[in-house]
Amino acid sequence: MFKIKNLSVHIGKRTILKDISFETNPREITGLIGKSGSGKSTLFRLALGLLPKSEGYEWTGELEWNGKLLGKKHCPEIQPVFQDPFGSFSPYQSIGELLFEPLKIQKQLVLNQELKSKERIRIESFCDRFELPRSLLGKTKRELSGGQLQRFAILRALLMNPEYLLLDEPVTALDVVVQKKIAEELKDINQKDSLGMLIVSHDLGFLSYMCDQIFVLEEGTITEFGNPKQLLKNPKSKLLQELVFARNHSFGGVTSSSESSN
């Protein structure tokens, strides 16, 4: 279980998160929605141990995964997928070479040929699952599209055998057709592998399609939460009311590609 209890985060005199608490089901997809600057990504970075006090951040409260405290260092059971796929891969090696890095980190050694062969079979099986041509493994990130790179970022996270995924705006930078494809792949991972996820986003359509429950983050606090369909029928928070109104009145009522699949 991913659990947050009485968490507050400050930098200088600015309060980013204020006494937030929530729990997620380890096998479900949970969404955290909020505007830019609401504290979503700060929470994400803190859970991954990427919010150092050397940068001026101070925080109180608890974050934990299955009883293991988070925040001070990275927990390998929790793997991230970041918003910018182009920033997630080095330009100097092929995608195939970069995908060996998780195994190197796990084994803490130089890989021998036997280990490489076994891992390559595993990588290729994931490529087949995600409909990524194996020929892409020999290319660098400059030769791939954003959608292909984001799917490789998800693939790389799965190679670490995670217990939970944290995804920060995983489809924001992609076109709507690719968004829909990645949304379907993430739901397939959740359902077939029973792998839970926490998705941070400001995209109401994407989260309502993806999630079993959604938490609404406004000005650093959780203002409401629940099943997406119930929330959308009767939004109580100012943010959710604004998002539902905008969805119903923008572009003649056209919904996002992910939402229209629901």
C-alpha atoms as a PDB file:
ATOM      1  CA  MET A   1       0.000   0.000   0.000  1.00  0.00           C
ATOM      2  CA  PHE A   2       1.214   3.487  -0.940  1.00  0.00           C
ATOM      3  CA  LYS A   3       0.374   5.630   2.070  1.00  0.00           C
ATOM      4  CA  ILE A   4       0.783   9.319   2.885  1.00  0.00           C
ATOM      5  CA  LYS A   5       0.095  10.636   6.376  1.00  0.00           C
ATOM      6  CA  ASN A   6       0.025  14.292   7.472  1.00  0.00           C
ATOM      7  CA  LEU A   7       2.534  15.332   4.830  1.00  0.00           C
ATOM      8  CA  SER A   8       3.586  18.982   4.558  1.00  0.00           C
ATOM      9  CA  VAL A   9       6.348  20.346   2.309  1.00  0.00           C
ATOM     10  CA  HIS A  10       7.897  23.824   2.501  1.00  0.00           C
ATOM     11  CA  ILE A  11      10.638  25.662   0.635  1.00  0.00           C
ATOM     12  CA  GLY A  12      11.635  28.827   2.409  1.00  0.00           C
ATOM     13  CA  LYS A  13       8.427  30.585   3.449  1.00  0.00           C
ATOM     14  CA  ARG A  14       6.398  28.949   0.687  1.00  0.00           C
ATOM     15  CA  THR A  15       4.119  26.025   1.567  1.00  0.00           C
ATOM     16  CA  ILE A  16       3.783  23.528  -1.284  1.00  0.00           C
ATOM     17  CA  LEU A  17       1.821  20.714   0.411  1.00  0.00           C
ATOM     18  CA  LYS A  18      -0.276  21.155   3.547  1.00  0.00           C
ATOM     19  CA  ASP A  19      -1.045  18.222   5.832  1.00  0.00           C
ATOM     20  CA  ILE A  20      -2.186  15.802   3.124  1.00  0.00           C
ATOM     21  CA  SER A  21      -3.108  12.192   3.801  1.00  0.00           C
ATOM     22  CA  PHE A  22      -4.324   9.393   1.545  1.00  0.00           C
ATOM     23  CA  GLU A  23      -3.907   5.697   0.829  1.00  0.00           C
ATOM     24  CA  THR A  24      -3.986   3.751  -2.411  1.00  0.00           C
ATOM     25  CA  ASN A  25      -4.865   0.161  -3.184  1.00  0.00           C
ATOM     26  CA  PRO A  26      -1.631  -1.546  -4.354  1.00  0.00           C
ATOM     27  CA  ARG A  27      -3.393  -3.207  -7.313  1.00  0.00           C
ATOM     28  CA  GLU A  28      -5.465  -0.256  -8.465  1.00  0.00           C
ATOM     29  CA  ILE A  29      -4.739   2.797 -10.599  1.00  0.00           C
ATOM     30  CA  THR A  30      -5.000   5.981  -8.560  1.00  0.00           C
ATOM     31  CA  GLY A  31      -5.008   9.483 -10.002  1.00  0.00           C
ATOM     32  CA  LEU A  32      -3.838  12.735  -8.455  1.00  0.00           C
ATOM     33  CA  ILE A  33      -5.184  15.735 -10.345  1.00  0.00           C
ATOM     34  CA  GLY A  34      -4.279  19.378  -9.916  1.00  0.00           C
ATOM     35  CA  LYS A  35      -3.271  22.512 -11.759  1.00  0.00           C
ATOM     36  CA  SER A  36       0.346  23.367 -12.534  1.00  0.00           C
ATOM     37  CA  GLY A  37       2.015  24.467  -9.309  1.00  0.00           C
ATOM     38  CA  SER A  38      -0.443  22.624  -7.073  1.00  0.00           C
ATOM     39  CA  GLY A  39       2.249  20.343  -5.639  1.00  0.00           C
ATOM     40  CA  LYS A  40       1.664  17.194  -7.732  1.00  0.00           C
ATOM     41  CA  SER A  41       5.208  16.816  -9.026  1.00  0.00           C
ATOM     42  CA  THR A  42       6.686  17.784  -5.651  1.00  0.00           C
ATOM     43  CA  LEU A  43       4.903  14.821  -4.082  1.00  0.00           C
ATOM     44  CA  PHE A  44       6.140  12.587  -6.905  1.00  0.00           C
ATOM     45  CA  ARG A  45       9.765  13.691  -6.444  1.00  0.00           C
ATOM     46  CA  LEU A  46       9.578  13.263  -2.685  1.00  0.00           C
ATOM     47  CA  ALA A  47       8.259   9.699  -2.994  1.00  0.00           C
ATOM     48  CA  LEU A  48      11.246   8.885  -5.220  1.00  0.00           C
ATOM     49  CA  GLY A  49      13.788  10.425  -2.844  1.00  0.00           C
ATOM     50  CA  LEU A  50      14.461  13.272  -5.281  1.00  0.00           C
ATOM     51  CA  LEU A  51      13.656  16.231  -3.026  1.00  0.00           C
ATOM     52  CA  PRO A  52      16.939  16.955  -1.232  1.00  0.00           C
ATOM     53  CA  LYS A  53      17.097  19.281   1.729  1.00  0.00           C
ATOM     54  CA  SER A  54      20.181  20.772   0.102  1.00  0.00           C
ATOM     55  CA  GLU A  55      17.800  22.527  -2.324  1.00  0.00           C
ATOM     56  CA  GLY A  56      15.970  24.150   0.574  1.00  0.00           C
ATOM     57  CA  TYR A  57      13.052  21.724   0.911  1.00  0.00           C
ATOM     58  CA  GLU A  58      11.741  20.850   4.361  1.00  0.00           C
ATOM     59  CA  TRP A  59       9.020  18.311   4.981  1.00  0.00           C
ATOM     60  CA  THR A  60       7.158  16.630   7.806  1.00  0.00           C
ATOM     61  CA  GLY A  61       4.844  13.641   7.896  1.00  0.00           C
ATOM     62  CA  GLU A  62       5.218  10.172   6.419  1.00  0.00           C
ATOM     63  CA  LEU A  63       5.271   8.456   3.046  1.00  0.00           C
ATOM     64  CA  GLU A  64       5.535   4.696   2.908  1.00  0.00           C
ATOM     65  CA  TRP A  65       5.249   1.725   0.620  1.00  0.00           C
ATOM     66  CA  ASN A  66       4.152  -1.481   2.378  1.00  0.00           C
ATOM     67  CA  GLY A  67       5.576  -0.203   5.636  1.00  0.00           C
ATOM     68  CA  LYS A  68       8.875   1.020   4.133  1.00  0.00           C
ATOM     69  CA  LEU A  69       9.448   4.746   4.686  1.00  0.00           C
ATOM     70  CA  LEU A  70      10.038   6.816   1.558  1.00  0.00           C
ATOM     71  CA  GLY A  71      11.578  10.212   0.924  1.00  0.00           C
ATOM     72  CA  LYS A  72      15.204   9.895   1.939  1.00  0.00           C
ATOM     73  CA  LYS A  73      16.333   7.562  -0.829  1.00  0.00           C
ATOM     74  CA  HIS A  74      14.994   5.756  -3.845  1.00  0.00           C
ATOM     75  CA  CYS A  75      12.946   2.613  -3.195  1.00  0.00           C
ATOM     76  CA  PRO A  76      13.576   0.092  -6.029  1.00  0.00           C
ATOM     77  CA  GLU A  77      10.136  -1.477  -5.559  1.00  0.00           C
ATOM     78  CA  ILE A  78       8.660   1.791  -6.846  1.00  0.00           C
ATOM     79  CA  GLN A  79       9.603   2.796 -10.380  1.00  0.00           C
ATOM     80  CA  PRO A  80       8.920   6.110 -12.115  1.00  0.00           C
ATOM     81  CA  VAL A  81       7.858   7.090 -15.621  1.00  0.00           C
ATOM     82  CA  PHE A  82       8.479  10.768 -16.299  1.00  0.00           C
ATOM     83  CA  GLN A  83       6.655  13.248 -18.517  1.00  0.00           C
ATOM     84  CA  ASP A  84       9.461  13.978 -20.981  1.00  0.00           C
ATOM     85  CA  PRO A  85      10.536  10.775 -22.764  1.00  0.00           C
ATOM     86  CA  PHE A  86      13.329  12.595 -24.611  1.00  0.00           C
ATOM     87  CA  GLY A  87      14.909  13.574 -21.299  1.00  0.00           C
ATOM     88  CA  SER A  88      14.741   9.999 -20.006  1.00  0.00           C
ATOM     89  CA  PHE A  89      17.337   8.455 -22.317  1.00  0.00           C
ATOM     90  CA  SER A  90      20.974   9.240 -23.107  1.00  0.00           C
ATOM     91  CA  PRO A  91      21.631  10.270 -26.730  1.00  0.00           C
ATOM     92  CA  TYR A  92      24.970   8.444 -26.826  1.00  0.00           C
ATOM     93  CA  GLN A  93      23.860   4.796 -26.685  1.00  0.00           C
ATOM     94  CA  SER A  94      21.280   2.711 -28.468  1.00  0.00           C
ATOM     95  CA  ILE A  95      17.929   2.058 -26.796  1.00  0.00           C
ATOM     96  CA  GLY A  96      18.857  -1.616 -26.492  1.00  0.00           C
ATOM     97  CA  GLU A  97      22.070  -0.786 -24.625  1.00  0.00           C
ATOM     98  CA  LEU A  98      20.233   1.605 -22.314  1.00  0.00           C
ATOM     99  CA  LEU A  99      17.658  -1.055 -21.452  1.00  0.00           C
ATOM    100  CA  PHE A 100      20.401  -3.225 -19.973  1.00  0.00           C
ATOM    101  CA  GLU A 101      20.982  -0.576 -17.283  1.00  0.00           C
ATOM    102  CA  PRO A 102      18.240  -1.821 -14.896  1.00  0.00           C
ATOM    103  CA  LEU A 103      19.846  -5.276 -14.763  1.00  0.00           C
ATOM    104  CA  LYS A 104      23.287  -3.747 -14.219  1.00  0.00           C
ATOM    105  CA  ILE A 105      21.894  -1.744 -11.307  1.00  0.00           C
ATOM    106  CA  GLN A 106      20.194  -4.797  -9.808  1.00  0.00           C
ATOM    107  CA  LYS A 107      23.240  -7.067 -10.155  1.00  0.00           C
ATOM    108  CA  GLN A 108      25.790  -4.325  -9.450  1.00  0.00           C
ATOM    109  CA  LEU A 109      28.184  -5.864 -11.922  1.00  0.00           C
ATOM    110  CA  VAL A 110      29.306  -5.980 -15.522  1.00  0.00           C
ATOM    111  CA  LEU A 111      26.979  -8.311 -17.375  1.00  0.00           C
ATOM    112  CA  ASN A 112      28.390 -11.496 -18.864  1.00  0.00           C
ATOM    113  CA  GLN A 113      27.129 -12.871 -22.165  1.00  0.00           C
ATOM    114  CA  GLU A 114      24.726 -15.327 -20.532  1.00  0.00           C
ATOM    115  CA  LEU A 115      22.991 -12.620 -18.527  1.00  0.00           C
ATOM    116  CA  LYS A 116      22.860 -10.351 -21.574  1.00  0.00           C
ATOM    117  CA  SER A 117      21.260 -13.066 -23.680  1.00  0.00           C
ATOM    118  CA  LYS A 118      18.588 -13.789 -21.073  1.00  0.00           C
ATOM    119  CA  GLU A 119      17.837 -10.109 -20.607  1.00  0.00           C
ATOM    120  CA  ARG A 120      17.648  -9.462 -24.335  1.00  0.00           C
ATOM    121  CA  ILE A 121      15.000 -12.187 -24.664  1.00  0.00           C
ATOM    122  CA  ARG A 122      13.060 -10.489 -21.876  1.00  0.00           C
ATOM    123  CA  ILE A 123      13.411  -7.060 -23.494  1.00  0.00           C
ATOM    124  CA  GLU A 124      12.274  -8.396 -26.873  1.00  0.00           C
ATOM    125  CA  SER A 125       9.208 -10.005 -25.300  1.00  0.00           C
ATOM    126  CA  PHE A 126       8.227  -6.609 -23.874  1.00  0.00           C
ATOM    127  CA  CYS A 127       8.786  -5.031 -27.307  1.00  0.00           C
ATOM    128  CA  ASP A 128       6.380  -7.542 -28.814  1.00  0.00           C
ATOM    129  CA  ARG A 129       3.831  -6.841 -26.098  1.00  0.00           C
ATOM    130  CA  PHE A 130       4.018  -3.083 -26.713  1.00  0.00           C
ATOM    131  CA  GLU A 131       4.083  -3.483 -30.503  1.00  0.00           C
ATOM    132  CA  LEU A 132       7.534  -1.901 -30.685  1.00  0.00           C
ATOM    133  CA  PRO A 133       9.590  -3.306 -33.578  1.00  0.00           C
ATOM    134  CA  ARG A 134      12.715  -5.036 -32.296  1.00  0.00           C
ATOM    135  CA  SER A 135      14.733  -3.108 -34.867  1.00  0.00           C
ATOM    136  CA  LEU A 136      14.221   0.024 -32.720  1.00  0.00           C
ATOM    137  CA  LEU A 137      16.566  -1.436 -30.095  1.00  0.00           C
ATOM    138  CA  GLY A 138      19.497  -0.617 -32.355  1.00  0.00           C
ATOM    139  CA  LYS A 139      18.527   3.035 -32.730  1.00  0.00           C
ATOM    140  CA  THR A 140      19.244   6.078 -30.561  1.00  0.00           C
ATOM    141  CA  LYS A 141      16.558   8.285 -29.064  1.00  0.00           C
ATOM    142  CA  ARG A 142      16.993  10.843 -31.870  1.00  0.00           C
ATOM    143  CA  GLU A 143      15.636   8.266 -34.319  1.00  0.00           C
ATOM    144  CA  LEU A 144      12.465   7.497 -32.342  1.00  0.00           C
ATOM    145  CA  SER A 145       9.171   9.313 -31.908  1.00  0.00           C
ATOM    146  CA  GLY A 146       7.952  10.625 -28.560  1.00  0.00           C
ATOM    147  CA  GLY A 147       5.363   7.859 -28.337  1.00  0.00           C
ATOM    148  CA  GLN A 148       7.944   5.153 -28.993  1.00  0.00           C
ATOM    149  CA  LEU A 149      10.286   6.622 -26.379  1.00  0.00           C
ATOM    150  CA  GLN A 150       7.544   6.857 -23.770  1.00  0.00           C
ATOM    151  CA  ARG A 151       6.653   3.202 -24.298  1.00  0.00           C
ATOM    152  CA  PHE A 152      10.329   2.314 -23.924  1.00  0.00           C
ATOM    153  CA  ALA A 153      10.361   4.349 -20.691  1.00  0.00           C
ATOM    154  CA  ILE A 154       7.470   2.237 -19.383  1.00  0.00           C
ATOM    155  CA  LEU A 155       9.235  -0.906 -20.606  1.00  0.00           C
ATOM    156  CA  ARG A 156      12.410   0.094 -18.767  1.00  0.00           C
ATOM    157  CA  ALA A 157      10.479   0.614 -15.539  1.00  0.00           C
ATOM    158  CA  LEU A 158       8.958  -2.872 -15.856  1.00  0.00           C
ATOM    159  CA  LEU A 159      12.409  -4.421 -16.318  1.00  0.00           C
ATOM    160  CA  MET A 160      13.110  -3.512 -12.675  1.00  0.00           C
ATOM    161  CA  ASN A 161      10.289  -5.870 -11.571  1.00  0.00           C
ATOM    162  CA  PRO A 162       8.504  -3.093  -9.670  1.00  0.00           C
ATOM    163  CA  GLU A 163       5.699  -3.492  -7.174  1.00  0.00           C
ATOM    164  CA  TYR A 164       4.237  -0.077  -8.017  1.00  0.00           C
ATOM    165  CA  LEU A 165       4.579   2.600 -10.714  1.00  0.00           C
ATOM    166  CA  LEU A 166       4.601   6.366 -10.257  1.00  0.00           C
ATOM    167  CA  LEU A 167       3.778   8.204 -13.486  1.00  0.00           C
ATOM    168  CA  ASP A 168       4.174  11.972 -13.812  1.00  0.00           C
ATOM    169  CA  GLU A 169       2.067  13.360 -16.700  1.00  0.00           C
ATOM    170  CA  PRO A 170       2.913  10.276 -18.823  1.00  0.00           C
ATOM    171  CA  VAL A 171       1.001  11.308 -21.967  1.00  0.00           C
ATOM    172  CA  THR A 172       0.900  15.112 -21.809  1.00  0.00           C
ATOM    173  CA  ALA A 173       3.569  15.687 -24.454  1.00  0.00           C
ATOM    174  CA  LEU A 174       2.060  13.210 -26.948  1.00  0.00           C
ATOM    175  CA  ASP A 175      -0.609  13.476 -29.626  1.00  0.00           C
ATOM    176  CA  VAL A 176      -4.075  12.128 -28.853  1.00  0.00           C
ATOM    177  CA  VAL A 177      -3.727   8.930 -30.901  1.00  0.00           C
ATOM    178  CA  VAL A 178      -0.533   7.983 -29.052  1.00  0.00           C
ATOM    179  CA  GLN A 179      -2.123   9.008 -25.737  1.00  0.00           C
ATOM    180  CA  LYS A 180      -4.905   6.508 -26.318  1.00  0.00           C
ATOM    181  CA  LYS A 181      -2.465   3.721 -27.218  1.00  0.00           C
ATOM    182  CA  ILE A 182      -0.331   4.261 -24.109  1.00  0.00           C
ATOM    183  CA  ALA A 183      -3.429   4.533 -21.909  1.00  0.00           C
ATOM    184  CA  GLU A 184      -4.592   1.140 -23.183  1.00  0.00           C
ATOM    185  CA  GLU A 185      -1.147  -0.375 -22.602  1.00  0.00           C
ATOM    186  CA  LEU A 186      -1.016   0.924 -19.029  1.00  0.00           C
ATOM    187  CA  LYS A 187      -4.464  -0.474 -18.263  1.00  0.00           C
ATOM    188  CA  ASP A 188      -3.383  -3.807 -19.759  1.00  0.00           C
ATOM    189  CA  ILE A 189      -0.319  -3.864 -17.470  1.00  0.00           C
ATOM    190  CA  ASN A 190      -2.509  -3.095 -14.460  1.00  0.00           C
ATOM    191  CA  GLN A 191      -5.072  -5.770 -15.263  1.00  0.00           C
ATOM    192  CA  LYS A 192      -2.792  -8.595 -16.433  1.00  0.00           C
ATOM    193  CA  ASP A 193       0.105  -8.032 -14.032  1.00  0.00           C
ATOM    194  CA  SER A 194      -1.906  -6.643 -11.071  1.00  0.00           C
ATOM    195  CA  LEU A 195       0.574  -3.768 -10.986  1.00  0.00           C
ATOM    196  CA  GLY A 196      -0.760  -0.703  -9.196  1.00  0.00           C
ATOM    197  CA  MET A 197      -0.025   2.854 -10.301  1.00  0.00           C
ATOM    198  CA  LEU A 198      -0.248   6.419  -9.071  1.00  0.00           C
ATOM    199  CA  ILE A 199      -0.690   8.812 -11.986  1.00  0.00           C
ATOM    200  CA  VAL A 200      -0.090  12.521 -11.504  1.00  0.00           C
ATOM    201  CA  SER A 201      -1.815  14.647 -14.165  1.00  0.00           C
ATOM    202  CA  HIS A 202      -3.934  17.707 -14.899  1.00  0.00           C
ATOM    203  CA  ASP A 203      -5.792  15.852 -17.690  1.00  0.00           C
ATOM    204  CA  LEU A 204      -9.271  15.024 -16.384  1.00  0.00           C
ATOM    205  CA  GLY A 205     -10.213  12.921 -19.425  1.00  0.00           C
ATOM    206  CA  PHE A 206      -7.098  10.762 -19.163  1.00  0.00           C
ATOM    207  CA  LEU A 207      -7.482  10.174 -15.428  1.00  0.00           C
ATOM    208  CA  SER A 208     -11.217   9.471 -15.605  1.00  0.00           C
ATOM    209  CA  TYR A 209     -10.496   6.785 -18.224  1.00  0.00           C
ATOM    210  CA  MET A 210      -7.536   5.293 -16.372  1.00  0.00           C
ATOM    211  CA  CYS A 211      -8.283   5.404 -12.670  1.00  0.00           C
ATOM    212  CA  ASP A 212     -10.198   3.475 -10.039  1.00  0.00           C
ATOM    213  CA  GLN A 213     -10.072   6.510  -7.766  1.00  0.00           C
ATOM    214  CA  ILE A 214      -8.968  10.132  -8.082  1.00  0.00           C
ATOM    215  CA  PHE A 215      -7.687  12.574  -5.462  1.00  0.00           C
ATOM    216  CA  VAL A 216      -8.071  16.296  -6.177  1.00  0.00           C
ATOM    217  CA  LEU A 217      -5.148  18.509  -5.107  1.00  0.00           C
ATOM    218  CA  GLU A 218      -5.854  22.231  -4.750  1.00  0.00           C
ATOM    219  CA  GLU A 219      -3.344  24.720  -3.377  1.00  0.00           C
ATOM    220  CA  GLY A 220      -1.442  21.960  -1.637  1.00  0.00           C
ATOM    221  CA  THR A 221      -4.385  20.174   0.000  1.00  0.00           C
ATOM    222  CA  ILE A 222      -6.646  17.244  -0.898  1.00  0.00           C
ATOM    223  CA  THR A 223     -10.120  18.719  -1.368  1.00  0.00           C
ATOM    224  CA  GLU A 224     -12.062  15.633  -2.504  1.00  0.00           C
ATOM    225  CA  PHE A 225     -11.594  12.087  -3.695  1.00  0.00           C
ATOM    226  CA  GLY A 226     -13.533   9.101  -4.950  1.00  0.00           C
ATOM    227  CA  ASN A 227     -14.539   7.016  -7.940  1.00  0.00           C
ATOM    228  CA  PRO A 228     -14.151   9.069 -11.172  1.00  0.00           C
ATOM    229  CA  LYS A 229     -17.753   8.576 -12.333  1.00  0.00           C
ATOM    230  CA  GLN A 230     -19.129   9.667  -8.972  1.00  0.00           C
ATOM    231  CA  LEU A 231     -16.828  12.686  -8.817  1.00  0.00           C
ATOM    232  CA  LEU A 232     -17.745  13.838 -12.304  1.00  0.00           C
ATOM    233  CA  LYS A 233     -21.484  13.565 -11.589  1.00  0.00           C
ATOM    234  CA  ASN A 234     -21.250  15.742  -8.488  1.00  0.00           C
ATOM    235  CA  PRO A 235     -17.953  17.640  -8.263  1.00  0.00           C
ATOM    236  CA  LYS A 236     -17.621  19.533  -4.984  1.00  0.00           C
ATOM    237  CA  SER A 237     -14.182  21.152  -5.231  1.00  0.00           C
ATOM    238  CA  LYS A 238     -13.700  24.381  -7.161  1.00  0.00           C
ATOM    239  CA  LEU A 239     -11.020  22.797  -9.351  1.00  0.00           C
ATOM    240  CA  LEU A 240     -13.105  19.795 -10.377  1.00  0.00           C
ATOM    241  CA  GLN A 241     -16.130  21.980 -11.054  1.00  0.00           C
ATOM    242  CA  GLU A 242     -13.993  24.155 -13.335  1.00  0.00           C
ATOM    243  CA  LEU A 243     -12.521  21.147 -15.150  1.00  0.00           C
ATOM    244  CA  VAL A 244     -15.913  19.509 -15.680  1.00  0.00           C
ATOM    245  CA  PHE A 245     -17.372  22.797 -16.942  1.00  0.00           C
ATOM    246  CA  ALA A 246     -14.426  23.297 -19.315  1.00  0.00           C
ATOM    247  CA  ARG A 247     -14.735  19.735 -20.597  1.00  0.00           C
ATOM    248  CA  ASN A 248     -18.440  20.130 -21.275  1.00  0.00           C
ATOM    249  CA  HIS A 249     -18.130  23.505 -23.003  1.00  0.00           C
ATOM    250  CA  SER A 250     -14.861  23.376 -24.942  1.00  0.00           C
ATOM    251  CA  PHE A 251     -14.690  22.687 -28.698  1.00  0.00           C
ATOM    252  CA  GLY A 252     -18.374  21.856 -28.907  1.00  0.00           C
ATOM    253  CA  GLY A 253     -18.187  19.214 -26.179  1.00  0.00           C
ATOM    254  CA  VAL A 254     -15.450  17.155 -27.819  1.00  0.00           C
ATOM    255  CA  THR A 255     -13.687  14.909 -25.303  1.00  0.00           C
ATOM    256  CA  SER A 256     -10.113  13.657 -25.256  1.00  0.00           C
ATOM    257  CA  SER A 257      -9.288  10.437 -27.094  1.00  0.00           C
ATOM    258  CA  SER A 258      -8.768   8.515 -23.869  1.00  0.00           C
ATOM    259  CA  GLU A 259     -12.011   9.739 -22.343  1.00  0.00           C
ATOM    260  CA  SER A 260     -14.043   8.955 -25.435  1.00  0.00           C
ATOM    261  CA  SER A 261     -12.901   5.325 -25.130  1.00  0.00           C
ATOM    262  CA  ASN A 262     -14.497   4.994 -21.707  1.00  0.00           C
END
